[in-house]
C-alpha atoms as a PDB file:
ATOM      1  CA  UNK A   1    -129.893 -23.157  -0.365  1.00  0.00           C
ATOM      2  CA  UNK A   2    -133.430 -21.845  -0.001  1.00  0.00           C
ATOM      3  CA  UNK A   3    -133.792 -18.148  -0.412  1.00  0.00           C
ATOM      4  CA  UNK A   4    -129.800 -17.142  -1.143  1.00  0.00           C
ATOM      5  CA  UNK A   5    -128.302 -15.446  -3.110  1.00  0.00           C
ATOM      6  CA  UNK A   6    -126.948 -16.297  -6.423  1.00  0.00           C
ATOM      7  CA  UNK A   7    -123.633 -14.488  -7.483  1.00  0.00           C
ATOM      8  CA  UNK A   8    -122.410 -16.561 -11.090  1.00  0.00           C
ATOM      9  CA  UNK A   9    -119.570 -14.797 -13.255  1.00  0.00           C
ATOM     10  CA  UNK A  10    -119.400 -16.606 -16.603  1.00  0.00           C
ATOM     11  CA  UNK A  11    -115.788 -16.501 -18.852  1.00  0.00           C
ATOM     12  CA  UNK A  12    -114.686 -18.473 -21.633  1.00  0.00           C
ATOM     13  CA  UNK A  13    -111.277 -19.399 -20.968  1.00  0.00           C
ATOM     14  CA  UNK A  14    -108.868 -21.582 -21.570  1.00  0.00           C
ATOM     15  CA  UNK A  15    -107.580 -24.231 -19.352  1.00  0.00           C
ATOM     16  CA  UNK A  16    -104.625 -26.043 -19.696  1.00  0.00           C
ATOM     17  CA  UNK A  17    -103.474 -29.168 -18.664  1.00  0.00           C
ATOM     18  CA  UNK A  18     -99.285 -30.559 -17.915  1.00  0.00           C
ATOM     19  CA  UNK A  19     -97.849 -33.326 -17.013  1.00  0.00           C
ATOM     20  CA  UNK A  20     -94.401 -32.677 -16.605  1.00  0.00           C
ATOM     21  CA  UNK A  21     -92.239 -35.756 -14.328  1.00  0.00           C
ATOM     22  CA  UNK A  22     -94.546 -37.140 -12.984  1.00  0.00           C
ATOM     23  CA  UNK A  23     -96.951 -34.763 -11.996  1.00  0.00           C
ATOM     24  CA  UNK A  24    -100.087 -33.821 -13.715  1.00  0.00           C
ATOM     25  CA  UNK A  25    -101.278 -29.912 -13.302  1.00  0.00           C
ATOM     26  CA  UNK A  26    -104.577 -28.504 -14.258  1.00  0.00           C
ATOM     27  CA  UNK A  27    -103.774 -24.100 -15.334  1.00  0.00           C
ATOM     28  CA  UNK A  28    -107.263 -22.027 -15.910  1.00  0.00           C
ATOM     29  CA  UNK A  29    -106.723 -18.230 -15.893  1.00  0.00           C
ATOM     30  CA  UNK A  30    -108.073 -16.095 -13.690  1.00  0.00           C
ATOM     31  CA  UNK A  31    -109.839 -13.270 -15.264  1.00  0.00           C
ATOM     32  CA  UNK A  32    -110.538  -9.342 -13.386  1.00  0.00           C
ATOM     33  CA  UNK A  33    -114.642 -10.841 -14.173  1.00  0.00           C
ATOM     34  CA  UNK A  34    -113.787 -13.578 -11.600  1.00  0.00           C
ATOM     35  CA  UNK A  35    -111.384 -12.296  -9.418  1.00  0.00           C
ATOM     36  CA  UNK A  36    -113.672 -11.932  -6.830  1.00  0.00           C
ATOM     37  CA  UNK A  37    -113.818 -15.686  -6.168  1.00  0.00           C
ATOM     38  CA  UNK A  38    -110.397 -16.071  -6.241  1.00  0.00           C
ATOM     39  CA  UNK A  39    -109.278 -14.606  -3.456  1.00  0.00           C
ATOM     40  CA  UNK A  40    -108.232 -10.738  -4.617  1.00  0.00           C
ATOM     41  CA  UNK A  41    -106.586 -12.696  -7.400  1.00  0.00           C
ATOM     42  CA  UNK A  42    -107.350 -10.760 -11.351  1.00  0.00           C
ATOM     43  CA  UNK A  43    -105.193 -11.019 -14.260  1.00  0.00           C
ATOM     44  CA  UNK A  44    -101.817 -12.799 -14.748  1.00  0.00           C
ATOM     45  CA  UNK A  45    -104.132 -15.320 -12.027  1.00  0.00           C
ATOM     46  CA  UNK A  46    -104.141 -19.160 -12.108  1.00  0.00           C
ATOM     47  CA  UNK A  47    -106.054 -21.674 -10.413  1.00  0.00           C
ATOM     48  CA  UNK A  48    -102.680 -24.268 -10.481  1.00  0.00           C
ATOM     49  CA  UNK A  49    -104.482 -27.633  -9.381  1.00  0.00           C
ATOM     50  CA  UNK A  50    -102.859 -31.005  -8.224  1.00  0.00           C
ATOM     51  CA  UNK A  51    -104.920 -33.810 -10.602  1.00  0.00           C
ATOM     52  CA  UNK A  52    -105.638 -36.683  -9.008  1.00  0.00           C
ATOM     53  CA  UNK A  53    -105.427 -35.287  -5.856  1.00  0.00           C
ATOM     54  CA  UNK A  54    -107.799 -33.899  -3.639  1.00  0.00           C
ATOM     55  CA  UNK A  55    -107.796 -30.118  -1.901  1.00  0.00           C
ATOM     56  CA  UNK A  56    -104.644 -29.381  -4.281  1.00  0.00           C
ATOM     57  CA  UNK A  57    -105.801 -26.225  -6.065  1.00  0.00           C
ATOM     58  CA  UNK A  58    -104.340 -22.963  -4.945  1.00  0.00           C
ATOM     59  CA  UNK A  59    -104.486 -19.236  -7.185  1.00  0.00           C
ATOM     60  CA  UNK A  60    -101.076 -18.297  -8.705  1.00  0.00           C
ATOM     61  CA  UNK A  61     -99.879 -15.677 -10.445  1.00  0.00           C
ATOM     62  CA  UNK A  62     -96.524 -17.537 -12.102  1.00  0.00           C
ATOM     63  CA  UNK A  63     -94.369 -14.265 -12.756  1.00  0.00           C
ATOM     64  CA  UNK A  64     -93.600 -13.824  -9.232  1.00  0.00           C
ATOM     65  CA  UNK A  65     -91.347 -15.508  -7.945  1.00  0.00           C
ATOM     66  CA  UNK A  66     -92.574 -16.338  -4.734  1.00  0.00           C
ATOM     67  CA  UNK A  67     -95.272 -18.765  -6.145  1.00  0.00           C
ATOM     68  CA  UNK A  68     -91.838 -20.697  -6.923  1.00  0.00           C
ATOM     69  CA  UNK A  69     -91.313 -21.194  -3.053  1.00  0.00           C
ATOM     70  CA  UNK A  70     -91.219 -24.794  -2.043  1.00  0.00           C
ATOM     71  CA  UNK A  71     -92.435 -23.870   1.721  1.00  0.00           C
ATOM     72  CA  UNK A  72     -95.413 -21.478   0.070  1.00  0.00           C
ATOM     73  CA  UNK A  73     -95.958 -24.100  -2.558  1.00  0.00           C
ATOM     74  CA  UNK A  74     -96.230 -26.461   0.676  1.00  0.00           C
ATOM     75  CA  UNK A  75     -98.122 -24.544   3.012  1.00  0.00           C
ATOM     76  CA  UNK A  76    -100.691 -22.903  -0.075  1.00  0.00           C
ATOM     77  CA  UNK A  77    -101.251 -25.996  -1.422  1.00  0.00           C
ATOM     78  CA  UNK A  78    -101.018 -29.003   1.799  1.00  0.00           C
ATOM     79  CA  UNK A  79     -98.070 -31.529   0.653  1.00  0.00           C
ATOM     80  CA  UNK A  80     -97.514 -31.410   4.220  1.00  0.00           C
ATOM     81  CA  UNK A  81     -99.552 -35.008   4.440  1.00  0.00           C
ATOM     82  CA  UNK A  82     -98.202 -38.381   3.912  1.00  0.00           C
ATOM     83  CA  UNK A  83     -99.543 -39.812   0.355  1.00  0.00           C
ATOM     84  CA  UNK A  84     -98.814 -37.327  -1.801  1.00  0.00           C
ATOM     85  CA  UNK A  85     -97.501 -37.648  -5.470  1.00  0.00           C
ATOM     86  CA  UNK A  86     -94.962 -35.269  -5.399  1.00  0.00           C
ATOM     87  CA  UNK A  87     -92.522 -33.208  -2.523  1.00  0.00           C
ATOM     88  CA  UNK A  88     -92.995 -29.252  -2.431  1.00  0.00           C
ATOM     89  CA  UNK A  89     -89.892 -28.751  -4.031  1.00  0.00           C
ATOM     90  CA  UNK A  90     -90.348 -31.348  -7.521  1.00  0.00           C
ATOM     91  CA  UNK A  91     -94.328 -28.762  -7.914  1.00  0.00           C
ATOM     92  CA  UNK A  92     -92.375 -25.580  -7.590  1.00  0.00           C
ATOM     93  CA  UNK A  93     -89.693 -27.543 -10.222  1.00  0.00           C
ATOM     94  CA  UNK A  94     -92.256 -28.273 -12.993  1.00  0.00           C
ATOM     95  CA  UNK A  95     -94.353 -24.804 -11.995  1.00  0.00           C
ATOM     96  CA  UNK A  96     -91.121 -23.503 -13.211  1.00  0.00           C
ATOM     97  CA  UNK A  97     -91.465 -25.113 -16.779  1.00  0.00           C
ATOM     98  CA  UNK A  98     -94.670 -23.907 -16.657  1.00  0.00           C
ATOM     99  CA  UNK A  99     -94.828 -20.723 -16.699  1.00  0.00           C
ATOM    100  CA  UNK A 100     -92.102 -20.591 -18.387  1.00  0.00           C
ATOM    101  CA  UNK A 101     -93.787 -22.368 -20.918  1.00  0.00           C
ATOM    102  CA  UNK A 102     -96.342 -19.272 -20.414  1.00  0.00           C
ATOM    103  CA  UNK A 103     -93.967 -17.101 -21.131  1.00  0.00           C
ATOM    104  CA  UNK A 104     -93.215 -18.683 -24.363  1.00  0.00           C
ATOM    105  CA  UNK A 105     -96.135 -18.311 -25.614  1.00  0.00           C
ATOM    106  CA  UNK A 106     -97.284 -14.781 -24.739  1.00  0.00           C
ATOM    107  CA  UNK A 107     -99.682 -15.804 -22.390  1.00  0.00           C
ATOM    108  CA  UNK A 108     -98.123 -13.690 -18.311  1.00  0.00           C
ATOM    109  CA  UNK A 109     -97.560 -10.767 -21.220  1.00  0.00           C
ATOM    110  CA  UNK A 110    -101.023  -9.142 -20.101  1.00  0.00           C
END
């Protein structure tokens, strides 16, 4: 990458790790400062990653009901391929639990 312009944004945020029903997730809050790097996501969004599943990361607003739609999750996390450790419906259920936990700690009230 010689001569390429390098853009960098550093934010110190608390990553969260969850395990529920055999699904391991990592969540990284996406702040306004990093929105340009995450498909326009900003405050209230989390980069959700299925640990151990390559290519499964997507920014989600866990306050939005559409974030728990199984068909939407299947498409965004590419869960239509064989070999994944969870179904879209299982992921939706776990994300609902995670969103409830985040709401209880006040993180979604930004």
